[in-house]
Amino acid sequence: MKYCKLHSWNVTYEESIKIQKDLSSKVIIQPFNSELNLIAGADVSYSKNSNLFFAGVVLLQLPNMDIIEESIAQGEVNFPYIPGLLSFRESPILIKAFENLSITPDVVMIDGQGIAHPRGLGIASHIGLLLDIPTIGCAKNILVGRYDEPGIDAGNHSQIIFNGKTIGAALRTKRNVSPVFISPGHKMDIASATEVVMKTCRGYRIPEPTRQAHLLVNRVRTM
């Protein structure tokens, strides 16, 4: 896959904040009305106190979630961990993994935030702009906003509200498990993102695309 080189990754804290603010205005929020056949899940893993990162992308085919292709990349990361700037730490190695992917997915799901972010540009939105492809953020924890606990059954969800705006959904993917936090990344809206996530759940709290990506990067990291 090819990607758009929107900016340098060798940036300061102040420069990264400005980039996020500038790019957030370019994010497109719209219904996803295209056919969904191939979906990619992406995740990053690293050992504590190590700057060697491993990125993995798993391409799956609906409706059975068969794995079609896997791509991995590794490299040293020097950008520090700063809440709200995860994208500048993980995106460069993730992009390398996407570059190695031979088939372009219809949608990309990333373990992280989309627009549910202080400046409206979490890693899923950032990657969406870089790849120019529909993306979804599916996070295990909320970053900003508030929500009411959704009902206990799979598929129940509630709005995530931040600064008076609805920016995502707290979604129960399995009965009686903690919700995951869904937000549009790029070329996606909340309703479409929630629907796609539910289509890709296979009995676990984490939807299959990001679950498989998580398994892949942890397997590679411990080899």
C-alpha atoms as a PDB file:
ATOM      1  CA  MET A   1       0.000   0.000   0.000  1.00  0.00           C
ATOM      2  CA  LYS A   2       1.048   3.563  -0.660  1.00  0.00           C
ATOM      3  CA  TYR A   3       0.597   6.422   1.770  1.00  0.00           C
ATOM      4  CA  CYS A   4       0.544  10.210   1.735  1.00  0.00           C
ATOM      5  CA  LYS A   5       3.598  11.906   3.238  1.00  0.00           C
ATOM      6  CA  LEU A   6       1.750  14.667   5.054  1.00  0.00           C
ATOM      7  CA  HIS A   7       4.526  15.825   7.395  1.00  0.00           C
ATOM      8  CA  SER A   8       7.847  14.944   9.000  1.00  0.00           C
ATOM      9  CA  TRP A   9       7.959  12.574  11.983  1.00  0.00           C
ATOM     10  CA  ASN A  10      11.007  14.330  13.403  1.00  0.00           C
ATOM     11  CA  VAL A  11       9.022  16.940  15.319  1.00  0.00           C
ATOM     12  CA  THR A  12       8.927  18.627  18.702  1.00  0.00           C
ATOM     13  CA  TYR A  13       6.042  18.496  21.145  1.00  0.00           C
ATOM     14  CA  GLU A  14       4.795  21.909  19.985  1.00  0.00           C
ATOM     15  CA  GLU A  15       5.073  20.940  16.305  1.00  0.00           C
ATOM     16  CA  SER A  16       3.154  17.684  16.845  1.00  0.00           C
ATOM     17  CA  ILE A  17       0.294  19.553  18.543  1.00  0.00           C
ATOM     18  CA  LYS A  18       0.118  21.973  15.600  1.00  0.00           C
ATOM     19  CA  ILE A  19       0.106  19.085  13.114  1.00  0.00           C
ATOM     20  CA  GLN A  20      -2.784  17.441  14.945  1.00  0.00           C
ATOM     21  CA  LYS A  21      -4.789  20.663  14.958  1.00  0.00           C
ATOM     22  CA  ASP A  22      -4.125  21.232  11.265  1.00  0.00           C
ATOM     23  CA  LEU A  23      -4.909  17.664  10.200  1.00  0.00           C
ATOM     24  CA  SER A  24      -8.069  17.364  12.296  1.00  0.00           C
ATOM     25  CA  SER A  25      -9.819  19.767   9.918  1.00  0.00           C
ATOM     26  CA  LYS A  26      -9.117  17.369   7.040  1.00  0.00           C
ATOM     27  CA  VAL A  27     -10.824  14.366   8.661  1.00  0.00           C
ATOM     28  CA  ILE A  28     -13.997  13.361   6.811  1.00  0.00           C
ATOM     29  CA  ILE A  29     -16.933  12.077   8.855  1.00  0.00           C
ATOM     30  CA  GLN A  30     -19.459  10.367   6.613  1.00  0.00           C
ATOM     31  CA  PRO A  31     -21.508   7.157   6.417  1.00  0.00           C
ATOM     32  CA  PHE A  32     -19.670   4.127   5.101  1.00  0.00           C
ATOM     33  CA  ASN A  33     -21.893   2.937   2.251  1.00  0.00           C
ATOM     34  CA  SER A  34     -19.418   0.847   0.281  1.00  0.00           C
ATOM     35  CA  GLU A  35     -19.292  -2.943   0.205  1.00  0.00           C
ATOM     36  CA  LEU A  36     -17.325  -4.344   3.134  1.00  0.00           C
ATOM     37  CA  ASN A  37     -15.369  -7.386   2.037  1.00  0.00           C
ATOM     38  CA  LEU A  38     -11.835  -6.921   3.400  1.00  0.00           C
ATOM     39  CA  ILE A  39     -11.004  -5.355   6.740  1.00  0.00           C
ATOM     40  CA  ALA A  40      -7.570  -4.848   8.275  1.00  0.00           C
ATOM     41  CA  GLY A  41      -6.751  -4.756  11.960  1.00  0.00           C
ATOM     42  CA  ALA A  42      -3.608  -2.993  13.164  1.00  0.00           C
ATOM     43  CA  ASP A  43      -1.733  -2.936  16.457  1.00  0.00           C
ATOM     44  CA  VAL A  44       1.689  -2.126  17.918  1.00  0.00           C
ATOM     45  CA  SER A  45       3.605  -3.937  20.653  1.00  0.00           C
ATOM     46  CA  TYR A  46       6.858  -3.336  22.511  1.00  0.00           C
ATOM     47  CA  SER A  47       8.628  -4.515  25.624  1.00  0.00           C
ATOM     48  CA  LYS A  48       8.715  -2.297  28.690  1.00  0.00           C
ATOM     49  CA  ASN A  49      11.758  -0.002  28.760  1.00  0.00           C
ATOM     50  CA  SER A  50      12.541  -0.835  25.115  1.00  0.00           C
ATOM     51  CA  ASN A  51      12.413   1.486  22.108  1.00  0.00           C
ATOM     52  CA  LEU A  52      12.111  -1.438  19.662  1.00  0.00           C
ATOM     53  CA  PHE A  53       8.529  -1.490  18.393  1.00  0.00           C
ATOM     54  CA  PHE A  54       6.673  -4.173  16.435  1.00  0.00           C
ATOM     55  CA  ALA A  55       3.704  -3.324  14.202  1.00  0.00           C
ATOM     56  CA  GLY A  56       1.290  -5.815  12.733  1.00  0.00           C
ATOM     57  CA  VAL A  57      -1.504  -5.604  10.189  1.00  0.00           C
ATOM     58  CA  VAL A  58      -3.874  -8.531   9.618  1.00  0.00           C
ATOM     59  CA  LEU A  59      -6.200  -8.567   6.618  1.00  0.00           C
ATOM     60  CA  LEU A  60      -9.417 -10.528   7.074  1.00  0.00           C
ATOM     61  CA  GLN A  61     -12.265 -11.378   4.737  1.00  0.00           C
ATOM     62  CA  LEU A  62     -15.879 -11.121   5.794  1.00  0.00           C
ATOM     63  CA  PRO A  63     -18.162 -12.764   6.711  1.00  0.00           C
ATOM     64  CA  ASN A  64     -16.049 -15.588   8.184  1.00  0.00           C
ATOM     65  CA  MET A  65     -13.085 -13.460   9.251  1.00  0.00           C
ATOM     66  CA  ASP A  66     -10.635 -15.663   7.346  1.00  0.00           C
ATOM     67  CA  ILE A  67      -7.075 -14.303   7.470  1.00  0.00           C
ATOM     68  CA  ILE A  68      -5.985 -13.351   3.940  1.00  0.00           C
ATOM     69  CA  GLU A  69      -2.654 -11.646   4.621  1.00  0.00           C
ATOM     70  CA  GLU A  70      -0.398 -10.592   7.482  1.00  0.00           C
ATOM     71  CA  SER A  71       2.243  -7.880   7.467  1.00  0.00           C
ATOM     72  CA  ILE A  72       4.759  -6.951  10.142  1.00  0.00           C
ATOM     73  CA  ALA A  73       7.392  -4.276  10.624  1.00  0.00           C
ATOM     74  CA  GLN A  74       9.811  -3.391  13.378  1.00  0.00           C
ATOM     75  CA  GLY A  75      12.000  -0.453  14.207  1.00  0.00           C
ATOM     76  CA  GLU A  76      13.311   1.827  16.902  1.00  0.00           C
ATOM     77  CA  VAL A  77      11.041   4.584  18.183  1.00  0.00           C
ATOM     78  CA  ASN A  78      12.426   7.681  19.860  1.00  0.00           C
ATOM     79  CA  PHE A  79       9.319   9.830  20.276  1.00  0.00           C
ATOM     80  CA  PRO A  80       8.429   9.772  24.004  1.00  0.00           C
ATOM     81  CA  TYR A  81       5.168   8.513  25.453  1.00  0.00           C
ATOM     82  CA  ILE A  82       2.912  11.549  25.827  1.00  0.00           C
ATOM     83  CA  PRO A  83      -0.841  11.133  26.376  1.00  0.00           C
ATOM     84  CA  GLY A  84      -2.687  12.412  23.297  1.00  0.00           C
ATOM     85  CA  LEU A  85       0.369  12.048  21.046  1.00  0.00           C
ATOM     86  CA  LEU A  86       0.394   8.259  20.678  1.00  0.00           C
ATOM     87  CA  SER A  87       0.181   8.617  16.908  1.00  0.00           C
ATOM     88  CA  PHE A  88       3.610  10.232  16.678  1.00  0.00           C
ATOM     89  CA  ARG A  89       5.062   7.320  18.619  1.00  0.00           C
ATOM     90  CA  GLU A  90       3.344   4.422  16.817  1.00  0.00           C
ATOM     91  CA  SER A  91       2.269   5.630  13.355  1.00  0.00           C
ATOM     92  CA  PRO A  92       5.687   5.550  11.628  1.00  0.00           C
ATOM     93  CA  ILE A  93       6.171   1.835  12.338  1.00  0.00           C
ATOM     94  CA  LEU A  94       2.520   1.096  11.558  1.00  0.00           C
ATOM     95  CA  ILE A  95       2.863   2.780   8.178  1.00  0.00           C
ATOM     96  CA  LYS A  96       5.820   0.494   7.398  1.00  0.00           C
ATOM     97  CA  ALA A  97       3.604  -2.520   8.076  1.00  0.00           C
ATOM     98  CA  PHE A  98       0.886  -1.114   5.812  1.00  0.00           C
ATOM     99  CA  GLU A  99       3.456  -0.478   3.069  1.00  0.00           C
ATOM    100  CA  ASN A 100       4.231  -4.214   3.082  1.00  0.00           C
ATOM    101  CA  LEU A 101       0.553  -5.120   2.603  1.00  0.00           C
ATOM    102  CA  SER A 102      -0.108  -6.224  -0.968  1.00  0.00           C
ATOM    103  CA  ILE A 103      -3.921  -5.902  -0.878  1.00  0.00           C
ATOM    104  CA  THR A 104      -5.781  -2.711   0.012  1.00  0.00           C
ATOM    105  CA  PRO A 105      -8.539  -3.242   2.601  1.00  0.00           C
ATOM    106  CA  ASP A 106     -11.957  -1.625   2.433  1.00  0.00           C
ATOM    107  CA  VAL A 107     -11.668  -0.500   6.067  1.00  0.00           C
ATOM    108  CA  VAL A 108      -8.884  -0.361   8.652  1.00  0.00           C
ATOM    109  CA  MET A 109      -9.569  -0.872  12.374  1.00  0.00           C
ATOM    110  CA  ILE A 110      -6.898   0.355  14.780  1.00  0.00           C
ATOM    111  CA  ASP A 111      -6.416  -0.287  18.485  1.00  0.00           C
ATOM    112  CA  GLY A 112      -6.690   3.334  19.541  1.00  0.00           C
ATOM    113  CA  GLN A 113      -8.777   6.472  19.163  1.00  0.00           C
ATOM    114  CA  GLY A 114     -10.232   8.148  16.112  1.00  0.00           C
ATOM    115  CA  ILE A 115     -11.858  11.541  16.661  1.00  0.00           C
ATOM    116  CA  ALA A 116     -12.415  10.717  20.362  1.00  0.00           C
ATOM    117  CA  HIS A 117      -9.296  12.699  21.136  1.00  0.00           C
ATOM    118  CA  PRO A 118      -8.548  16.100  22.717  1.00  0.00           C
ATOM    119  CA  ARG A 119      -7.744  17.606  19.311  1.00  0.00           C
ATOM    120  CA  GLY A 120      -9.934  15.309  17.226  1.00  0.00           C
ATOM    121  CA  LEU A 121      -7.010  13.390  15.731  1.00  0.00           C
ATOM    122  CA  GLY A 122      -6.241  10.086  17.402  1.00  0.00           C
ATOM    123  CA  ILE A 123      -4.088   7.449  15.742  1.00  0.00           C
ATOM    124  CA  ALA A 124      -6.988   5.979  13.729  1.00  0.00           C
ATOM    125  CA  SER A 125      -7.776   9.383  12.209  1.00  0.00           C
ATOM    126  CA  HIS A 126      -4.093  10.087  11.580  1.00  0.00           C
ATOM    127  CA  ILE A 127      -3.559   6.735   9.844  1.00  0.00           C
ATOM    128  CA  GLY A 128      -6.775   7.243   7.873  1.00  0.00           C
ATOM    129  CA  LEU A 129      -5.451  10.509   6.452  1.00  0.00           C
ATOM    130  CA  LEU A 130      -2.034   9.009   5.729  1.00  0.00           C
ATOM    131  CA  LEU A 131      -3.544   6.032   3.886  1.00  0.00           C
ATOM    132  CA  ASP A 132      -6.567   7.940   2.518  1.00  0.00           C
ATOM    133  CA  ILE A 133      -8.816   5.065   3.534  1.00  0.00           C
ATOM    134  CA  PRO A 134     -11.830   4.564   5.858  1.00  0.00           C
ATOM    135  CA  THR A 135     -10.638   3.894   9.400  1.00  0.00           C
ATOM    136  CA  ILE A 136     -12.141   3.109  12.805  1.00  0.00           C
ATOM    137  CA  GLY A 137     -10.676   3.611  16.245  1.00  0.00           C
ATOM    138  CA  CYS A 138     -11.482   0.760  18.624  1.00  0.00           C
ATOM    139  CA  ALA A 139      -9.936   1.418  22.031  1.00  0.00           C
ATOM    140  CA  LYS A 140     -10.006  -0.591  25.238  1.00  0.00           C
ATOM    141  CA  ASN A 141     -10.075   2.583  27.354  1.00  0.00           C
ATOM    142  CA  ILE A 142     -11.703   5.972  26.990  1.00  0.00           C
ATOM    143  CA  LEU A 143      -9.426   8.975  26.440  1.00  0.00           C
ATOM    144  CA  VAL A 144     -11.786  11.957  26.584  1.00  0.00           C
ATOM    145  CA  GLY A 145     -15.479  12.485  27.168  1.00  0.00           C
ATOM    146  CA  ARG A 146     -18.175  10.865  29.264  1.00  0.00           C
ATOM    147  CA  TYR A 147     -20.701   8.126  28.623  1.00  0.00           C
ATOM    148  CA  ASP A 148     -23.500   6.239  30.296  1.00  0.00           C
ATOM    149  CA  GLU A 149     -22.937   2.549  30.855  1.00  0.00           C
ATOM    150  CA  PRO A 150     -24.606   0.691  27.962  1.00  0.00           C
ATOM    151  CA  GLY A 151     -26.982  -2.234  28.489  1.00  0.00           C
ATOM    152  CA  ILE A 152     -25.468  -5.618  29.311  1.00  0.00           C
ATOM    153  CA  ASP A 153     -26.243  -7.324  25.992  1.00  0.00           C
ATOM    154  CA  ALA A 154     -23.929  -7.426  22.971  1.00  0.00           C
ATOM    155  CA  GLY A 155     -24.708  -4.586  20.601  1.00  0.00           C
ATOM    156  CA  ASN A 156     -25.913  -2.190  23.299  1.00  0.00           C
ATOM    157  CA  HIS A 157     -24.121   1.134  23.107  1.00  0.00           C
ATOM    158  CA  SER A 158     -24.208   4.684  24.422  1.00  0.00           C
ATOM    159  CA  GLN A 159     -22.843   7.993  23.190  1.00  0.00           C
ATOM    160  CA  ILE A 160     -19.465   9.398  24.180  1.00  0.00           C
ATOM    161  CA  ILE A 161     -19.901  13.143  24.714  1.00  0.00           C
ATOM    162  CA  PHE A 162     -17.008  15.614  24.739  1.00  0.00           C
ATOM    163  CA  ASN A 163     -17.372  19.408  24.799  1.00  0.00           C
ATOM    164  CA  GLY A 164     -21.051  19.045  23.993  1.00  0.00           C
ATOM    165  CA  LYS A 165     -20.469  16.890  20.912  1.00  0.00           C
ATOM    166  CA  THR A 166     -20.990  13.187  20.290  1.00  0.00           C
ATOM    167  CA  ILE A 167     -17.579  11.807  19.313  1.00  0.00           C
ATOM    168  CA  GLY A 168     -18.025   8.049  19.609  1.00  0.00           C
ATOM    169  CA  ALA A 169     -19.798   5.148  21.248  1.00  0.00           C
ATOM    170  CA  ALA A 170     -19.219   2.904  24.232  1.00  0.00           C
ATOM    171  CA  LEU A 171     -20.129  -0.469  22.721  1.00  0.00           C
ATOM    172  CA  ARG A 172     -20.854  -3.739  24.485  1.00  0.00           C
ATOM    173  CA  THR A 173     -19.391  -6.373  22.166  1.00  0.00           C
ATOM    174  CA  LYS A 174     -20.176  -9.351  24.419  1.00  0.00           C
ATOM    175  CA  ARG A 175     -22.755  -9.813  27.149  1.00  0.00           C
ATOM    176  CA  ASN A 176     -21.574  -8.659  30.571  1.00  0.00           C
ATOM    177  CA  VAL A 177     -18.070  -7.611  29.467  1.00  0.00           C
ATOM    178  CA  SER A 178     -16.670  -4.088  29.651  1.00  0.00           C
ATOM    179  CA  PRO A 179     -17.456  -1.964  26.597  1.00  0.00           C
ATOM    180  CA  VAL A 180     -14.949  -0.946  23.960  1.00  0.00           C
ATOM    181  CA  PHE A 181     -14.779   2.656  22.820  1.00  0.00           C
ATOM    182  CA  ILE A 182     -15.508   3.271  19.165  1.00  0.00           C
ATOM    183  CA  SER A 183     -14.882   6.458  17.219  1.00  0.00           C
ATOM    184  CA  PRO A 184     -14.654   7.262  13.520  1.00  0.00           C
ATOM    185  CA  GLY A 185     -11.166   7.607  12.173  1.00  0.00           C
ATOM    186  CA  HIS A 186     -11.617   8.926   8.630  1.00  0.00           C
ATOM    187  CA  LYS A 187     -14.299   8.525   5.935  1.00  0.00           C
ATOM    188  CA  MET A 188     -16.547   6.914   8.538  1.00  0.00           C
ATOM    189  CA  ASP A 189     -19.247   8.034  10.960  1.00  0.00           C
ATOM    190  CA  ILE A 190     -20.192   6.769  14.415  1.00  0.00           C
ATOM    191  CA  ALA A 191     -23.136   4.648  13.284  1.00  0.00           C
ATOM    192  CA  SER A 192     -21.128   3.001  10.498  1.00  0.00           C
ATOM    193  CA  ALA A 193     -18.143   2.406  12.765  1.00  0.00           C
ATOM    194  CA  THR A 194     -20.333   0.779  15.417  1.00  0.00           C
ATOM    195  CA  GLU A 195     -22.013  -1.432  12.819  1.00  0.00           C
ATOM    196  CA  VAL A 196     -18.696  -2.546  11.328  1.00  0.00           C
ATOM    197  CA  VAL A 197     -17.254  -3.396  14.727  1.00  0.00           C
ATOM    198  CA  MET A 198     -20.255  -5.563  15.622  1.00  0.00           C
ATOM    199  CA  LYS A 199     -20.013  -7.359  12.261  1.00  0.00           C
ATOM    200  CA  THR A 200     -16.451  -8.372  13.103  1.00  0.00           C
ATOM    201  CA  CYS A 201     -16.989  -9.632  16.653  1.00  0.00           C
ATOM    202  CA  ARG A 202     -16.557 -13.360  17.144  1.00  0.00           C
ATOM    203  CA  GLY A 203     -17.324 -14.019  20.813  1.00  0.00           C
ATOM    204  CA  TYR A 204     -14.569 -11.910  22.366  1.00  0.00           C
ATOM    205  CA  ARG A 205     -14.619  -8.436  23.871  1.00  0.00           C
ATOM    206  CA  ILE A 206     -12.145  -7.251  21.224  1.00  0.00           C
ATOM    207  CA  PRO A 207     -13.325  -7.434  17.589  1.00  0.00           C
ATOM    208  CA  GLU A 208     -11.500  -9.924  15.416  1.00  0.00           C
ATOM    209  CA  PRO A 209      -9.401  -7.508  13.293  1.00  0.00           C
ATOM    210  CA  THR A 210      -7.636  -5.839  16.226  1.00  0.00           C
ATOM    211  CA  ARG A 211      -7.621  -9.057  18.263  1.00  0.00           C
ATOM    212  CA  GLN A 212      -5.749 -10.873  15.506  1.00  0.00           C
ATOM    213  CA  ALA A 213      -3.371  -7.941  15.037  1.00  0.00           C
ATOM    214  CA  HIS A 214      -2.663  -7.966  18.773  1.00  0.00           C
ATOM    215  CA  LEU A 215      -1.930 -11.701  18.707  1.00  0.00           C
ATOM    216  CA  LEU A 216       0.359 -11.257  15.690  1.00  0.00           C
ATOM    217  CA  VAL A 217       2.531  -8.482  17.121  1.00  0.00           C
ATOM    218  CA  ASN A 218       2.890 -10.170  20.503  1.00  0.00           C
ATOM    219  CA  ARG A 219       3.850 -13.421  18.803  1.00  0.00           C
ATOM    220  CA  VAL A 220       6.487 -11.662  16.709  1.00  0.00           C
ATOM    221  CA  ARG A 221       7.805  -9.657  19.669  1.00  0.00           C
ATOM    222  CA  THR A 222       8.427 -12.773  21.766  1.00  0.00           C
ATOM    223  CA  MET A 223      10.084 -14.829  19.018  1.00  0.00           C
END
